[in-house]
Amino acid sequence: MIDRAWRESGYRIKSVNNDSEAPAIFAQTKDGFGVSLIVGGEGQVFFEVDSPCVEESEVADPTSEPTAPVDAGAEDIPRPTLRSPFWSAGAP
């Protein structure tokens, strides 16, 4: 579905990983931006964009608190618990 939409938008598909555990698609826009969509562990989705026209800079600290409870001793942010009948694999 993403492949079709990106092609219709004029993106050049550079690579597709059809792995059932970690599918991904990598493309480039007409103006040179690199875009990727990767599905990771337990269905987490990562969308990344590489810009051809800016220099790397530091990222500012968050200005708001997390909306989900985070254990102060935890090393990782908790996994999402929302399910979607369309997007979630094996959704009831």
C-alpha atoms as a PDB file:
ATOM      1  CA  MET A   1       0.000   0.000   0.000  1.00  0.00           C
ATOM      2  CA  ILE A   2       2.838   2.409   0.895  1.00  0.00           C
ATOM      3  CA  ASP A   3       4.777   1.356  -2.216  1.00  0.00           C
ATOM      4  CA  ARG A   4       1.795   2.167  -4.441  1.00  0.00           C
ATOM      5  CA  ALA A   5       1.124   5.537  -2.789  1.00  0.00           C
ATOM      6  CA  TRP A   6       4.767   6.600  -2.954  1.00  0.00           C
ATOM      7  CA  ARG A   7       5.086   5.572  -6.617  1.00  0.00           C
ATOM      8  CA  GLU A   8       1.911   7.527  -7.440  1.00  0.00           C
ATOM      9  CA  SER A   9       3.527  10.546  -5.723  1.00  0.00           C
ATOM     10  CA  GLY A  10       6.558  10.245  -7.995  1.00  0.00           C
ATOM     11  CA  TYR A  11       8.927   8.719  -5.439  1.00  0.00           C
ATOM     12  CA  ARG A  12      11.682   6.423  -6.745  1.00  0.00           C
ATOM     13  CA  ILE A  13      11.622   3.172  -4.772  1.00  0.00           C
ATOM     14  CA  LYS A  14      15.216   2.298  -3.914  1.00  0.00           C
ATOM     15  CA  SER A  15      14.660  -0.872  -1.888  1.00  0.00           C
ATOM     16  CA  VAL A  16      11.930  -2.996  -0.320  1.00  0.00           C
ATOM     17  CA  ASN A  17      12.434  -5.488   2.504  1.00  0.00           C
ATOM     18  CA  ASN A  18       9.531  -7.961   2.423  1.00  0.00           C
ATOM     19  CA  ASP A  19      10.610  -9.705   5.634  1.00  0.00           C
ATOM     20  CA  SER A  20       7.527 -10.717   7.658  1.00  0.00           C
ATOM     21  CA  GLU A  21       9.191  -9.727  10.950  1.00  0.00           C
ATOM     22  CA  ALA A  22      10.659  -6.353   9.914  1.00  0.00           C
ATOM     23  CA  PRO A  23       9.269  -5.093   6.599  1.00  0.00           C
ATOM     24  CA  ALA A  24      10.649  -1.817   5.254  1.00  0.00           C
ATOM     25  CA  ILE A  25      10.574   0.422   2.208  1.00  0.00           C
ATOM     26  CA  PHE A  26      13.176   2.995   1.167  1.00  0.00           C
ATOM     27  CA  ALA A  27      12.562   5.684  -1.460  1.00  0.00           C
ATOM     28  CA  GLN A  28      13.691   9.043  -2.783  1.00  0.00           C
ATOM     29  CA  THR A  29      11.435  11.985  -3.591  1.00  0.00           C
ATOM     30  CA  LYS A  30      11.682  14.040  -6.795  1.00  0.00           C
ATOM     31  CA  ASP A  31      13.545  16.755  -4.895  1.00  0.00           C
ATOM     32  CA  GLY A  32      16.102  14.383  -3.353  1.00  0.00           C
ATOM     33  CA  PHE A  33      14.695  13.638   0.088  1.00  0.00           C
ATOM     34  CA  GLY A  34      15.263  10.075   1.248  1.00  0.00           C
ATOM     35  CA  VAL A  35      12.241   8.530   2.963  1.00  0.00           C
ATOM     36  CA  SER A  36      11.909   5.204   4.722  1.00  0.00           C
ATOM     37  CA  LEU A  37       9.221   3.355   6.597  1.00  0.00           C
ATOM     38  CA  ILE A  38      10.343   0.464   8.791  1.00  0.00           C
ATOM     39  CA  VAL A  39       8.141  -1.796  10.914  1.00  0.00           C
ATOM     40  CA  GLY A  40      10.051  -2.945  13.975  1.00  0.00           C
ATOM     41  CA  GLY A  41       9.457  -5.159  16.993  1.00  0.00           C
ATOM     42  CA  GLU A  42       5.875  -5.649  18.069  1.00  0.00           C
ATOM     43  CA  GLY A  43       4.579  -3.489  15.221  1.00  0.00           C
ATOM     44  CA  GLN A  44       6.309  -0.221  16.051  1.00  0.00           C
ATOM     45  CA  VAL A  45       6.622   1.911  12.934  1.00  0.00           C
ATOM     46  CA  PHE A  46       9.547   4.204  12.169  1.00  0.00           C
ATOM     47  CA  PHE A  47       9.263   6.902   9.504  1.00  0.00           C
ATOM     48  CA  GLU A  48      12.497   8.650   8.615  1.00  0.00           C
ATOM     49  CA  VAL A  49      13.338  11.455   6.210  1.00  0.00           C
ATOM     50  CA  ASP A  50      16.839  12.404   5.087  1.00  0.00           C
ATOM     51  CA  SER A  51      17.108  15.945   3.815  1.00  0.00           C
ATOM     52  CA  PRO A  52      19.500  16.835   1.007  1.00  0.00           C
ATOM     53  CA  CYS A  53      19.437  20.541   1.833  1.00  0.00           C
ATOM     54  CA  VAL A  54      20.230  21.068   5.523  1.00  0.00           C
ATOM     55  CA  GLU A  55      23.142  20.450   7.826  1.00  0.00           C
ATOM     56  CA  GLU A  56      22.853  18.214  10.873  1.00  0.00           C
ATOM     57  CA  SER A  57      22.001  20.115  14.044  1.00  0.00           C
ATOM     58  CA  GLU A  58      21.314  19.292  17.659  1.00  0.00           C
ATOM     59  CA  VAL A  59      17.789  18.323  18.661  1.00  0.00           C
ATOM     60  CA  ALA A  60      16.144  20.391  21.375  1.00  0.00           C
ATOM     61  CA  ASP A  61      14.989  18.731  24.588  1.00  0.00           C
ATOM     62  CA  PRO A  62      11.243  17.975  24.783  1.00  0.00           C
ATOM     63  CA  THR A  63       9.082  20.847  26.003  1.00  0.00           C
ATOM     64  CA  SER A  64       6.315  18.633  27.409  1.00  0.00           C
ATOM     65  CA  GLU A  65       6.058  15.551  29.589  1.00  0.00           C
ATOM     66  CA  PRO A  66       5.289  12.109  28.078  1.00  0.00           C
ATOM     67  CA  THR A  67       1.589  11.279  27.829  1.00  0.00           C
ATOM     68  CA  ALA A  68       2.156   7.665  28.899  1.00  0.00           C
ATOM     69  CA  PRO A  69       3.438   6.683  32.329  1.00  0.00           C
ATOM     70  CA  VAL A  70       7.197   6.096  32.245  1.00  0.00           C
ATOM     71  CA  ASP A  71       8.987   4.247  35.037  1.00  0.00           C
ATOM     72  CA  ALA A  72      11.944   6.369  36.169  1.00  0.00           C
ATOM     73  CA  GLY A  73      14.102   3.218  36.361  1.00  0.00           C
ATOM     74  CA  ALA A  74      13.097   1.956  32.917  1.00  0.00           C
ATOM     75  CA  GLU A  75      15.642   2.003  30.119  1.00  0.00           C
ATOM     76  CA  ASP A  76      13.094   1.962  27.299  1.00  0.00           C
ATOM     77  CA  ILE A  77       9.847   3.749  26.556  1.00  0.00           C
ATOM     78  CA  PRO A  78       6.900   1.330  26.933  1.00  0.00           C
ATOM     79  CA  ARG A  79       5.545  -0.340  23.794  1.00  0.00           C
ATOM     80  CA  PRO A  80       2.290   1.131  22.440  1.00  0.00           C
ATOM     81  CA  THR A  81      -0.850  -0.728  23.403  1.00  0.00           C
ATOM     82  CA  LEU A  82      -3.269   0.670  20.805  1.00  0.00           C
ATOM     83  CA  ARG A  83      -4.594  -1.734  18.170  1.00  0.00           C
ATOM     84  CA  SER A  84      -6.020  -0.868  14.772  1.00  0.00           C
ATOM     85  CA  PRO A  85      -8.182  -3.299  12.787  1.00  0.00           C
ATOM     86  CA  PHE A  86      -6.479  -2.022   9.617  1.00  0.00           C
ATOM     87  CA  TRP A  87      -2.833  -1.483  10.622  1.00  0.00           C
ATOM     88  CA  SER A  88      -2.267  -3.999  13.435  1.00  0.00           C
ATOM     89  CA  ALA A  89      -1.112  -7.455  12.406  1.00  0.00           C
ATOM     90  CA  GLY A  90      -3.372 -10.139  13.826  1.00  0.00           C
ATOM     91  CA  ALA A  91      -5.832  -7.550  15.142  1.00  0.00           C
ATOM     92  CA  PRO A  92      -9.108  -9.041  16.327  1.00  0.00           C
END
